[in-house]
Amino acid sequence: KKFRHALNTEIIPRLLANTKKPLLGKLNKGKSPKAWKALSRSATYTWLNRLGFYKTIEKKGVYVDGHEKKDIIKYRQEDFLLKIASYIRLLTNYEEDDKGVFYAIPPIL
């Protein structure tokens, strides 16, 4: 929806403004140079596909390639999380005061 709106309100008018009037006359079949037919939803989907965009459903946190094996779970809980916890002290933290302003707490090196 947003892509189609951007095409019809921003991109196509700019393209038509930069083309020659005879071309506009052919595209618009004798209508005024600033008139054009807005792209339909199906035409927009066609162009999105041609530009390399495809409709997919992302499933977050679902792995189908062995990430839930017992050895992986053990490594994550015993090794990986301990390493990440040791790095936390090296990161800049942020806290919010009573006024809603965030301030940085530098890392302890």
PDB file of N, CA and C in Angstrom:
ATOM      1  N   LYS A   1       0.825  -1.183   0.000  1.00  0.00           N
ATOM      2  CA  LYS A   1       0.000   0.000   0.000  1.00  0.00           C
ATOM      3  C   LYS A   1       0.874   1.254   0.000  1.00  0.00           C
ATOM      4  N   LYS A   2       1.890   1.269   0.870  1.00  0.00           N
ATOM      5  CA  LYS A   2       2.768   2.435   0.956  1.00  0.00           C
ATOM      6  C   LYS A   2       3.574   2.610  -0.320  1.00  0.00           C
ATOM      7  N   PHE A   3       4.032   1.486  -0.890  1.00  0.00           N
ATOM      8  CA  PHE A   3       4.808   1.553  -2.128  1.00  0.00           C
ATOM      9  C   PHE A   3       3.946   2.105  -3.255  1.00  0.00           C
ATOM     10  N   ARG A   4       2.714   1.618  -3.358  1.00  0.00           N
ATOM     11  CA  ARG A   4       1.811   2.091  -4.411  1.00  0.00           C
ATOM     12  C   ARG A   4       1.526   3.575  -4.231  1.00  0.00           C
ATOM     13  N   HIS A   5       1.304   3.999  -2.996  1.00  0.00           N
ATOM     14  CA  HIS A   5       1.054   5.415  -2.725  1.00  0.00           C
ATOM     15  C   HIS A   5       2.262   6.260  -3.130  1.00  0.00           C
ATOM     16  N   ALA A   6       3.457   5.792  -2.788  1.00  0.00           N
ATOM     17  CA  ALA A   6       4.667   6.534  -3.156  1.00  0.00           C
ATOM     18  C   ALA A   6       4.827   6.594  -4.670  1.00  0.00           C
ATOM     19  N   LEU A   7       4.532   5.495  -5.351  1.00  0.00           N
ATOM     20  CA  LEU A   7       4.612   5.504  -6.817  1.00  0.00           C
ATOM     21  C   LEU A   7       3.646   6.519  -7.412  1.00  0.00           C
ATOM     22  N   ASN A   8       2.413   6.497  -6.941  1.00  0.00           N
ATOM     23  CA  ASN A   8       1.383   7.342  -7.536  1.00  0.00           C
ATOM     24  C   ASN A   8       1.504   8.808  -7.158  1.00  0.00           C
ATOM     25  N   THR A   9       2.060   9.108  -6.004  1.00  0.00           N
ATOM     26  CA  THR A   9       2.121  10.505  -5.571  1.00  0.00           C
ATOM     27  C   THR A   9       3.487  11.146  -5.707  1.00  0.00           C
ATOM     28  N   GLU A  10       4.548  10.356  -5.713  1.00  0.00           N
ATOM     29  CA  GLU A  10       5.899  10.922  -5.745  1.00  0.00           C
ATOM     30  C   GLU A  10       6.673  10.534  -7.001  1.00  0.00           C
ATOM     31  N   ILE A  11       6.814   9.237  -7.218  1.00  0.00           N
ATOM     32  CA  ILE A  11       7.732   8.752  -8.253  1.00  0.00           C
ATOM     33  C   ILE A  11       7.206   9.034  -9.657  1.00  0.00           C
ATOM     34  N   ILE A  12       5.972   8.614  -9.953  1.00  0.00           N
ATOM     35  CA  ILE A  12       5.434   8.814 -11.301  1.00  0.00           C
ATOM     36  C   ILE A  12       5.334  10.293 -11.655  1.00  0.00           C
ATOM     37  N   PRO A  13       4.829  11.166 -10.765  1.00  0.00           N
ATOM     38  CA  PRO A  13       4.798  12.588 -11.138  1.00  0.00           C
ATOM     39  C   PRO A  13       6.183  13.154 -11.449  1.00  0.00           C
ATOM     40  N   ARG A  14       7.186  12.744 -10.705  1.00  0.00           N
ATOM     41  CA  ARG A  14       8.542  13.229 -10.988  1.00  0.00           C
ATOM     42  C   ARG A  14       9.055  12.706 -12.321  1.00  0.00           C
ATOM     43  N   LEU A  15       8.774  11.429 -12.604  1.00  0.00           N
ATOM     44  CA  LEU A  15       9.198  10.872 -13.889  1.00  0.00           C
ATOM     45  C   LEU A  15       8.507  11.575 -15.048  1.00  0.00           C
ATOM     46  N   LEU A  16       7.212  11.816 -14.907  1.00  0.00           N
ATOM     47  CA  LEU A  16       6.471  12.479 -15.974  1.00  0.00           C
ATOM     48  C   LEU A  16       6.906  13.924 -16.146  1.00  0.00           C
ATOM     49  N   ALA A  17       7.297  14.569 -15.066  1.00  0.00           N
ATOM     50  CA  ALA A  17       7.755  15.954 -15.159  1.00  0.00           C
ATOM     51  C   ALA A  17       9.068  16.046 -15.916  1.00  0.00           C
ATOM     52  N   ASN A  18       9.844  14.979 -15.918  1.00  0.00           N
ATOM     53  CA  ASN A  18      11.147  14.990 -16.578  1.00  0.00           C
ATOM     54  C   ASN A  18      11.121  14.386 -17.978  1.00  0.00           C
ATOM     55  N   THR A  19       9.954  13.976 -18.469  1.00  0.00           N
ATOM     56  CA  THR A  19       9.883  13.402 -19.812  1.00  0.00           C
ATOM     57  C   THR A  19       9.379  14.437 -20.801  1.00  0.00           C
ATOM     58  N   LYS A  20       9.502  14.108 -22.069  1.00  0.00           N
ATOM     59  CA  LYS A  20       9.075  15.024 -23.121  1.00  0.00           C
ATOM     60  C   LYS A  20       7.559  14.965 -23.283  1.00  0.00           C
ATOM     61  N   LYS A  21       6.968  16.071 -23.679  1.00  0.00           N
ATOM     62  CA  LYS A  21       5.512  16.145 -23.809  1.00  0.00           C
ATOM     63  C   LYS A  21       4.937  15.181 -24.843  1.00  0.00           C
ATOM     64  N   PRO A  22       5.597  14.926 -25.992  1.00  0.00           N
ATOM     65  CA  PRO A  22       5.015  13.945 -26.909  1.00  0.00           C
ATOM     66  C   PRO A  22       4.850  12.570 -26.269  1.00  0.00           C
ATOM     67  N   LEU A  23       5.807  12.196 -25.437  1.00  0.00           N
ATOM     68  CA  LEU A  23       5.705  10.913 -24.747  1.00  0.00           C
ATOM     69  C   LEU A  23       4.534  10.926 -23.784  1.00  0.00           C
ATOM     70  N   LEU A  24       4.355  12.052 -23.086  1.00  0.00           N
ATOM     71  CA  LEU A  24       3.226  12.163 -22.166  1.00  0.00           C
ATOM     72  C   LEU A  24       1.908  12.051 -22.904  1.00  0.00           C
ATOM     73  N   GLY A  25       1.840  12.659 -24.075  1.00  0.00           N
ATOM     74  CA  GLY A  25       0.617  12.586 -24.860  1.00  0.00           C
ATOM     75  C   GLY A  25       0.277  11.155 -25.227  1.00  0.00           C
ATOM     76  N   LYS A  26       1.295  10.358 -25.575  1.00  0.00           N
ATOM     77  CA  LYS A  26       1.057   8.957 -25.912  1.00  0.00           C
ATOM     78  C   LYS A  26       0.627   8.167 -24.681  1.00  0.00           C
ATOM     79  N   LEU A  27       1.264   8.451 -23.534  1.00  0.00           N
ATOM     80  CA  LEU A  27       0.920   7.722 -22.313  1.00  0.00           C
ATOM     81  C   LEU A  27      -0.472   8.072 -21.820  1.00  0.00           C
ATOM     82  N   ASN A  28      -0.850   9.319 -21.966  1.00  0.00           N
ATOM     83  CA  ASN A  28      -2.111   9.795 -21.402  1.00  0.00           C
ATOM     84  C   ASN A  28      -3.240   9.848 -22.414  1.00  0.00           C
ATOM     85  N   LYS A  29      -2.976   9.494 -23.650  1.00  0.00           N
ATOM     86  CA  LYS A  29      -3.984   9.448 -24.705  1.00  0.00           C
ATOM     87  C   LYS A  29      -4.719  10.770 -24.844  1.00  0.00           C
ATOM     88  N   GLY A  30      -3.958  11.849 -24.976  1.00  0.00           N
ATOM     89  CA  GLY A  30      -4.545  13.153 -25.234  1.00  0.00           C
ATOM     90  C   GLY A  30      -4.950  13.929 -24.001  1.00  0.00           C
ATOM     91  N   LYS A  31      -4.781  13.386 -22.822  1.00  0.00           N
ATOM     92  CA  LYS A  31      -5.133  14.114 -21.604  1.00  0.00           C
ATOM     93  C   LYS A  31      -4.072  15.161 -21.315  1.00  0.00           C
ATOM     94  N   SER A  32      -4.308  15.974 -20.325  1.00  0.00           N
ATOM     95  CA  SER A  32      -3.337  17.014 -19.986  1.00  0.00           C
ATOM     96  C   SER A  32      -2.021  16.369 -19.568  1.00  0.00           C
ATOM     97  N   PRO A  33      -0.897  17.079 -19.752  1.00  0.00           N
ATOM     98  CA  PRO A  33       0.413  16.495 -19.454  1.00  0.00           C
ATOM     99  C   PRO A  33       0.588  16.040 -18.015  1.00  0.00           C
ATOM    100  N   LYS A  34      -0.179  16.590 -17.091  1.00  0.00           N
ATOM    101  CA  LYS A  34       0.010  16.209 -15.691  1.00  0.00           C
ATOM    102  C   LYS A  34      -0.936  15.090 -15.261  1.00  0.00           C
ATOM    103  N   ALA A  35      -1.779  14.616 -16.170  1.00  0.00           N
ATOM    104  CA  ALA A  35      -2.738  13.563 -15.809  1.00  0.00           C
ATOM    105  C   ALA A  35      -2.166  12.199 -16.167  1.00  0.00           C
ATOM    106  N   TRP A  36      -2.362  11.239 -15.308  1.00  0.00           N
ATOM    107  CA  TRP A  36      -1.960   9.864 -15.575  1.00  0.00           C
ATOM    108  C   TRP A  36      -2.859   8.954 -14.769  1.00  0.00           C
ATOM    109  N   LYS A  37      -2.893   7.728 -15.182  1.00  0.00           N
ATOM    110  CA  LYS A  37      -3.703   6.747 -14.471  1.00  0.00           C
ATOM    111  C   LYS A  37      -2.849   6.138 -13.367  1.00  0.00           C
ATOM    112  N   ALA A  38      -3.349   6.162 -12.149  1.00  0.00           N
ATOM    113  CA  ALA A  38      -2.604   5.612 -11.012  1.00  0.00           C
ATOM    114  C   ALA A  38      -2.452   4.105 -11.175  1.00  0.00           C
ATOM    115  N   LEU A  39      -1.354   3.580 -10.655  1.00  0.00           N
ATOM    116  CA  LEU A  39      -1.106   2.142 -10.726  1.00  0.00           C
ATOM    117  C   LEU A  39      -2.062   1.390  -9.809  1.00  0.00           C
ATOM    118  N   SER A  40      -2.536   0.269 -10.287  1.00  0.00           N
ATOM    119  CA  SER A  40      -3.411  -0.575  -9.478  1.00  0.00           C
ATOM    120  C   SER A  40      -2.578  -1.400  -8.505  1.00  0.00           C
ATOM    121  N   ARG A  41      -3.257  -2.063  -7.611  1.00  0.00           N
ATOM    122  CA  ARG A  41      -2.568  -2.913  -6.643  1.00  0.00           C
ATOM    123  C   ARG A  41      -1.829  -4.053  -7.340  1.00  0.00           C
ATOM    124  N   SER A  42      -2.472  -4.676  -8.324  1.00  0.00           N
ATOM    125  CA  SER A  42      -1.828  -5.798  -9.012  1.00  0.00           C
ATOM    126  C   SER A  42      -0.610  -5.340  -9.805  1.00  0.00           C
ATOM    127  N   ALA A  43      -0.685  -4.167 -10.422  1.00  0.00           N
ATOM    128  CA  ALA A  43       0.480  -3.641 -11.150  1.00  0.00           C
ATOM    129  C   ALA A  43       1.618  -3.332 -10.185  1.00  0.00           C
ATOM    130  N   THR A  44       1.271  -2.836  -9.013  1.00  0.00           N
ATOM    131  CA  THR A  44       2.294  -2.541  -8.004  1.00  0.00           C
ATOM    132  C   THR A  44       2.986  -3.823  -7.567  1.00  0.00           C
ATOM    133  N   TYR A  45       2.215  -4.888  -7.314  1.00  0.00           N
ATOM    134  CA  TYR A  45       2.821  -6.165  -6.929  1.00  0.00           C
ATOM    135  C   TYR A  45       3.711  -6.713  -8.035  1.00  0.00           C
ATOM    136  N   THR A  46       3.282  -6.541  -9.283  1.00  0.00           N
ATOM    137  CA  THR A  46       4.102  -6.993 -10.411  1.00  0.00           C
ATOM    138  C   THR A  46       5.441  -6.271 -10.414  1.00  0.00           C
ATOM    139  N   TRP A  47       5.408  -4.955 -10.219  1.00  0.00           N
ATOM    140  CA  TRP A  47       6.661  -4.191 -10.213  1.00  0.00           C
ATOM    141  C   TRP A  47       7.524  -4.533  -9.007  1.00  0.00           C
ATOM    142  N   LEU A  48       6.914  -4.758  -7.859  1.00  0.00           N
ATOM    143  CA  LEU A  48       7.696  -5.169  -6.691  1.00  0.00           C
ATOM    144  C   LEU A  48       8.411  -6.487  -6.971  1.00  0.00           C
ATOM    145  N   ASN A  49       7.723  -7.436  -7.603  1.00  0.00           N
ATOM    146  CA  ASN A  49       8.356  -8.711  -7.957  1.00  0.00           C
ATOM    147  C   ASN A  49       9.494  -8.501  -8.936  1.00  0.00           C
ATOM    148  N   ARG A  50       9.296  -7.649  -9.935  1.00  0.00           N
ATOM    149  CA  ARG A  50      10.355  -7.387 -10.909  1.00  0.00           C
ATOM    150  C   ARG A  50      11.564  -6.716 -10.265  1.00  0.00           C
ATOM    151  N   LEU A  51      11.320  -5.951  -9.205  1.00  0.00           N
ATOM    152  CA  LEU A  51      12.415  -5.285  -8.496  1.00  0.00           C
ATOM    153  C   LEU A  51      13.084  -6.204  -7.479  1.00  0.00           C
ATOM    154  N   GLY A  52      12.595  -7.436  -7.347  1.00  0.00           N
ATOM    155  CA  GLY A  52      13.245  -8.399  -6.463  1.00  0.00           C
ATOM    156  C   GLY A  52      12.594  -8.558  -5.104  1.00  0.00           C
ATOM    157  N   PHE A  53      11.427  -7.970  -4.896  1.00  0.00           N
ATOM    158  CA  PHE A  53      10.727  -8.101  -3.623  1.00  0.00           C
ATOM    159  C   PHE A  53       9.659  -9.182  -3.755  1.00  0.00           C
ATOM    160  N   TYR A  54       9.588 -10.056  -2.758  1.00  0.00           N
ATOM    161  CA  TYR A  54       8.619 -11.139  -2.785  1.00  0.00           C
ATOM    162  C   TYR A  54       7.920 -11.218  -1.439  1.00  0.00           C
ATOM    163  N   LYS A  55       6.657 -11.587  -1.474  1.00  0.00           N
ATOM    164  CA  LYS A  55       5.881 -11.708  -0.247  1.00  0.00           C
ATOM    165  C   LYS A  55       6.281 -12.989   0.467  1.00  0.00           C
ATOM    166  N   THR A  56       6.742 -12.856   1.700  1.00  0.00           N
ATOM    167  CA  THR A  56       7.110 -14.011   2.504  1.00  0.00           C
ATOM    168  C   THR A  56       6.588 -13.823   3.916  1.00  0.00           C
ATOM    169  N   ILE A  57       6.515 -14.903   4.624  1.00  0.00           N
ATOM    170  CA  ILE A  57       6.131 -14.856   6.031  1.00  0.00           C
ATOM    171  C   ILE A  57       7.349 -15.254   6.839  1.00  0.00           C
ATOM    172  N   GLU A  58       7.788 -14.361   7.716  1.00  0.00           N
ATOM    173  CA  GLU A  58       8.942 -14.662   8.560  1.00  0.00           C
ATOM    174  C   GLU A  58       8.460 -15.258   9.863  1.00  0.00           C
ATOM    175  N   LYS A  59       9.030 -16.390  10.199  1.00  0.00           N
ATOM    176  CA  LYS A  59       8.722 -17.027  11.470  1.00  0.00           C
ATOM    177  C   LYS A  59       9.914 -16.806  12.379  1.00  0.00           C
ATOM    178  N   LYS A  60       9.730 -15.973  13.370  1.00  0.00           N
ATOM    179  CA  LYS A  60      10.836 -15.638  14.262  1.00  0.00           C
ATOM    180  C   LYS A  60      10.964 -16.685  15.364  1.00  0.00           C
ATOM    181  N   GLY A  61      12.191 -17.117  15.584  1.00  0.00           N
ATOM    182  CA  GLY A  61      12.464 -18.044  16.666  1.00  0.00           C
ATOM    183  C   GLY A  61      12.182 -19.496  16.329  1.00  0.00           C
ATOM    184  N   VAL A  62      11.836 -19.789  15.095  1.00  0.00           N
ATOM    185  CA  VAL A  62      11.569 -21.158  14.695  1.00  0.00           C
ATOM    186  C   VAL A  62      12.702 -21.610  13.787  1.00  0.00           C
ATOM    187  N   TYR A  63      13.417 -22.640  14.208  1.00  0.00           N
ATOM    188  CA  TYR A  63      14.540 -23.144  13.429  1.00  0.00           C
ATOM    189  C   TYR A  63      14.225 -24.551  12.953  1.00  0.00           C
ATOM    190  N   VAL A  64      14.598 -24.829  11.739  1.00  0.00           N
ATOM    191  CA  VAL A  64      14.356 -26.155  11.189  1.00  0.00           C
ATOM    192  C   VAL A  64      15.656 -26.828  10.780  1.00  0.00           C
ATOM    193  N   ASP A  65      16.780 -26.244  11.150  1.00  0.00           N
ATOM    194  CA  ASP A  65      18.069 -26.789  10.713  1.00  0.00           C
ATOM    195  C   ASP A  65      18.926 -27.283  11.873  1.00  0.00           C
ATOM    196  N   GLY A  66      18.331 -27.774  12.946  1.00  0.00           N
ATOM    197  CA  GLY A  66      19.092 -28.400  14.014  1.00  0.00           C
ATOM    198  C   GLY A  66      19.495 -27.493  15.153  1.00  0.00           C
ATOM    199  N   HIS A  67      18.968 -26.282  15.226  1.00  0.00           N
ATOM    200  CA  HIS A  67      19.351 -25.375  16.307  1.00  0.00           C
ATOM    201  C   HIS A  67      18.782 -25.797  17.662  1.00  0.00           C
ATOM    202  N   GLU A  68      17.837 -26.692  17.673  1.00  0.00           N
ATOM    203  CA  GLU A  68      17.229 -27.110  18.929  1.00  0.00           C
ATOM    204  C   GLU A  68      17.751 -28.462  19.406  1.00  0.00           C
ATOM    205  N   LYS A  69      18.879 -28.906  18.894  1.00  0.00           N
ATOM    206  CA  LYS A  69      19.474 -30.156  19.369  1.00  0.00           C
ATOM    207  C   LYS A  69      20.005 -29.953  20.780  1.00  0.00           C
ATOM    208  N   LYS A  70      20.117 -31.049  21.530  1.00  0.00           N
ATOM    209  CA  LYS A  70      20.522 -30.962  22.936  1.00  0.00           C
ATOM    210  C   LYS A  70      21.893 -30.329  23.110  1.00  0.00           C
ATOM    211  N   ASP A  71      22.854 -30.652  22.231  1.00  0.00           N
ATOM    212  CA  ASP A  71      24.191 -30.083  22.382  1.00  0.00           C
ATOM    213  C   ASP A  71      24.199 -28.581  22.105  1.00  0.00           C
ATOM    214  N   ILE A  72      23.338 -28.125  21.198  1.00  0.00           N
ATOM    215  CA  ILE A  72      23.249 -26.694  20.899  1.00  0.00           C
ATOM    216  C   ILE A  72      22.631 -25.951  22.080  1.00  0.00           C
ATOM    217  N   ILE A  73      21.587 -26.507  22.644  1.00  0.00           N
ATOM    218  CA  ILE A  73      20.941 -25.884  23.806  1.00  0.00           C
ATOM    219  C   ILE A  73      21.919 -25.806  24.970  1.00  0.00           C
ATOM    220  N   LYS A  74      22.671 -26.876  25.204  1.00  0.00           N
ATOM    221  CA  LYS A  74      23.658 -26.896  26.289  1.00  0.00           C
ATOM    222  C   LYS A  74      24.729 -25.833  26.063  1.00  0.00           C
ATOM    223  N   TYR A  75      25.251 -25.738  24.837  1.00  0.00           N
ATOM    224  CA  TYR A  75      26.272 -24.725  24.531  1.00  0.00           C
ATOM    225  C   TYR A  75      25.719 -23.324  24.761  1.00  0.00           C
ATOM    226  N   ARG A  76      24.500 -23.089  24.300  1.00  0.00           N
ATOM    227  CA  ARG A  76      23.909 -21.762  24.443  1.00  0.00           C
ATOM    228  C   ARG A  76      23.763 -21.371  25.911  1.00  0.00           C
ATOM    229  N   GLN A  77      23.301 -22.294  26.732  1.00  0.00           N
ATOM    230  CA  GLN A  77      23.046 -21.984  28.130  1.00  0.00           C
ATOM    231  C   GLN A  77      24.319 -21.920  28.963  1.00  0.00           C
ATOM    232  N   GLU A  78      25.298 -22.761  28.669  1.00  0.00           N
ATOM    233  CA  GLU A  78      26.485 -22.839  29.520  1.00  0.00           C
ATOM    234  C   GLU A  78      27.643 -21.980  29.023  1.00  0.00           C
ATOM    235  N   ASP A  79      27.879 -21.932  27.735  1.00  0.00           N
ATOM    236  CA  ASP A  79      29.043 -21.215  27.216  1.00  0.00           C
ATOM    237  C   ASP A  79      28.679 -19.841  26.652  1.00  0.00           C
ATOM    238  N   PHE A  80      27.761 -19.827  25.716  1.00  0.00           N
ATOM    239  CA  PHE A  80      27.445 -18.595  25.003  1.00  0.00           C
ATOM    240  C   PHE A  80      26.923 -17.511  25.940  1.00  0.00           C
ATOM    241  N   LEU A  81      25.961 -17.852  26.783  1.00  0.00           N
ATOM    242  CA  LEU A  81      25.383 -16.852  27.681  1.00  0.00           C
ATOM    243  C   LEU A  81      26.399 -16.340  28.696  1.00  0.00           C
ATOM    244  N   LEU A  82      27.323 -17.192  29.139  1.00  0.00           N
ATOM    245  CA  LEU A  82      28.372 -16.738  30.056  1.00  0.00           C
ATOM    246  C   LEU A  82      29.315 -15.763  29.362  1.00  0.00           C
ATOM    247  N   LYS A  83      29.645 -16.033  28.102  1.00  0.00           N
ATOM    248  CA  LYS A  83      30.496 -15.106  27.350  1.00  0.00           C
ATOM    249  C   LYS A  83      29.805 -13.760  27.176  1.00  0.00           C
ATOM    250  N   ILE A  84      28.547 -13.785  26.812  1.00  0.00           N
ATOM    251  CA  ILE A  84      27.796 -12.540  26.630  1.00  0.00           C
ATOM    252  C   ILE A  84      27.722 -11.779  27.947  1.00  0.00           C
ATOM    253  N   ALA A  85      27.495 -12.479  29.042  1.00  0.00           N
ATOM    254  CA  ALA A  85      27.431 -11.827  30.354  1.00  0.00           C
ATOM    255  C   ALA A  85      28.757 -11.164  30.700  1.00  0.00           C
ATOM    256  N   SER A  86      29.874 -11.760  30.299  1.00  0.00           N
ATOM    257  CA  SER A  86      31.173 -11.146  30.586  1.00  0.00           C
ATOM    258  C   SER A  86      31.400  -9.890  29.746  1.00  0.00           C
ATOM    259  N   TYR A  87      30.748  -9.796  28.597  1.00  0.00           N
ATOM    260  CA  TYR A  87      30.907  -8.616  27.744  1.00  0.00           C
ATOM    261  C   TYR A  87      30.021  -7.447  28.175  1.00  0.00           C
ATOM    262  N   ILE A  88      28.999  -7.710  28.956  1.00  0.00           N
ATOM    263  CA  ILE A  88      28.060  -6.660  29.348  1.00  0.00           C
ATOM    264  C   ILE A  88      28.762  -5.529  30.091  1.00  0.00           C
ATOM    265  N   ARG A  89      29.758  -5.864  30.896  1.00  0.00           N
ATOM    266  CA  ARG A  89      30.457  -4.816  31.645  1.00  0.00           C
ATOM    267  C   ARG A  89      31.255  -3.901  30.728  1.00  0.00           C
ATOM    268  N   LEU A  90      31.504  -4.323  29.488  1.00  0.00           N
ATOM    269  CA  LEU A  90      32.254  -3.518  28.529  1.00  0.00           C
ATOM    270  C   LEU A  90      31.358  -2.607  27.687  1.00  0.00           C
ATOM    271  N   LEU A  91      30.054  -2.719  27.856  1.00  0.00           N
ATOM    272  CA  LEU A  91      29.107  -1.946  27.054  1.00  0.00           C
ATOM    273  C   LEU A  91      28.662  -0.685  27.774  1.00  0.00           C
ATOM    274  N   THR A  92      28.344   0.333  27.009  1.00  0.00           N
ATOM    275  CA  THR A  92      27.752   1.542  27.575  1.00  0.00           C
ATOM    276  C   THR A  92      26.288   1.251  27.861  1.00  0.00           C
ATOM    277  N   ASN A  93      25.855   1.552  29.074  1.00  0.00           N
ATOM    278  CA  ASN A  93      24.460   1.373  29.460  1.00  0.00           C
ATOM    279  C   ASN A  93      23.775   2.729  29.502  1.00  0.00           C
ATOM    280  N   TYR A  94      22.457   2.716  29.395  1.00  0.00           N
ATOM    281  CA  TYR A  94      21.684   3.950  29.426  1.00  0.00           C
ATOM    282  C   TYR A  94      20.585   3.811  30.457  1.00  0.00           C
ATOM    283  N   GLU A  95      20.400   4.881  31.239  1.00  0.00           N
ATOM    284  CA  GLU A  95      19.327   4.899  32.231  1.00  0.00           C
ATOM    285  C   GLU A  95      18.510   6.162  32.054  1.00  0.00           C
ATOM    286  N   GLU A  96      17.253   6.059  32.459  1.00  0.00           N
ATOM    287  CA  GLU A  96      16.329   7.179  32.318  1.00  0.00           C
ATOM    288  C   GLU A  96      16.133   7.837  33.677  1.00  0.00           C
ATOM    289  N   ASP A  97      16.190   9.165  33.695  1.00  0.00           N
ATOM    290  CA  ASP A  97      15.949   9.865  34.957  1.00  0.00           C
ATOM    291  C   ASP A  97      14.454  10.159  35.108  1.00  0.00           C
ATOM    292  N   ASP A  98      14.095  10.890  36.170  1.00  0.00           N
ATOM    293  CA  ASP A  98      12.689  11.170  36.463  1.00  0.00           C
ATOM    294  C   ASP A  98      12.011  12.005  35.382  1.00  0.00           C
ATOM    295  N   LYS A  99      12.789  12.794  34.650  1.00  0.00           N
ATOM    296  CA  LYS A  99      12.232  13.676  33.617  1.00  0.00           C
ATOM    297  C   LYS A  99      12.093  12.977  32.264  1.00  0.00           C
ATOM    298  N   GLY A 100      12.500  11.724  32.177  1.00  0.00           N
ATOM    299  CA  GLY A 100      12.407  10.988  30.927  1.00  0.00           C
ATOM    300  C   GLY A 100      13.606  11.167  30.024  1.00  0.00           C
ATOM    301  N   VAL A 101      14.690  11.739  30.559  1.00  0.00           N
ATOM    302  CA  VAL A 101      15.904  11.951  29.775  1.00  0.00           C
ATOM    303  C   VAL A 101      16.856  10.783  30.030  1.00  0.00           C
ATOM    304  N   PHE A 102      17.414  10.248  28.964  1.00  0.00           N
ATOM    305  CA  PHE A 102      18.362   9.146  29.088  1.00  0.00           C
ATOM    306  C   PHE A 102      19.777   9.689  29.207  1.00  0.00           C
ATOM    307  N   TYR A 103      20.567   9.064  30.041  1.00  0.00           N
ATOM    308  CA  TYR A 103      21.969   9.437  30.152  1.00  0.00           C
ATOM    309  C   TYR A 103      22.818   8.175  30.120  1.00  0.00           C
ATOM    310  N   ALA A 104      24.032   8.340  29.589  1.00  0.00           N
ATOM    311  CA  ALA A 104      24.923   7.197  29.380  1.00  0.00           C
ATOM    312  C   ALA A 104      25.715   6.887  30.635  1.00  0.00           C
ATOM    313  N   ILE A 105      25.881   5.601  30.899  1.00  0.00           N
ATOM    314  CA  ILE A 105      26.757   5.125  31.963  1.00  0.00           C
ATOM    315  C   ILE A 105      27.917   4.429  31.264  1.00  0.00           C
ATOM    316  N   PRO A 106      29.112   5.026  31.304  1.00  0.00           N
ATOM    317  CA  PRO A 106      30.240   4.443  30.572  1.00  0.00           C
ATOM    318  C   PRO A 106      30.633   3.077  31.134  1.00  0.00           C
ATOM    319  N   PRO A 107      31.267   2.255  30.300  1.00  0.00           N
ATOM    320  CA  PRO A 107      31.663   0.917  30.752  1.00  0.00           C
ATOM    321  C   PRO A 107      32.792   0.971  31.773  1.00  0.00           C
ATOM    322  N   ILE A 108      32.873  -0.059  32.583  1.00  0.00           N
ATOM    323  CA  ILE A 108      33.968  -0.192  33.542  1.00  0.00           C
ATOM    324  C   ILE A 108      35.019  -1.068  32.878  1.00  0.00           C
ATOM    325  N   LEU A 109      36.133  -0.459  32.541  1.00  0.00           N
ATOM    326  CA  LEU A 109      37.184  -1.199  31.831  1.00  0.00           C
ATOM    327  C   LEU A 109      38.274  -1.656  32.766  1.00  0.00           C
TER     328      LEU A 109
END
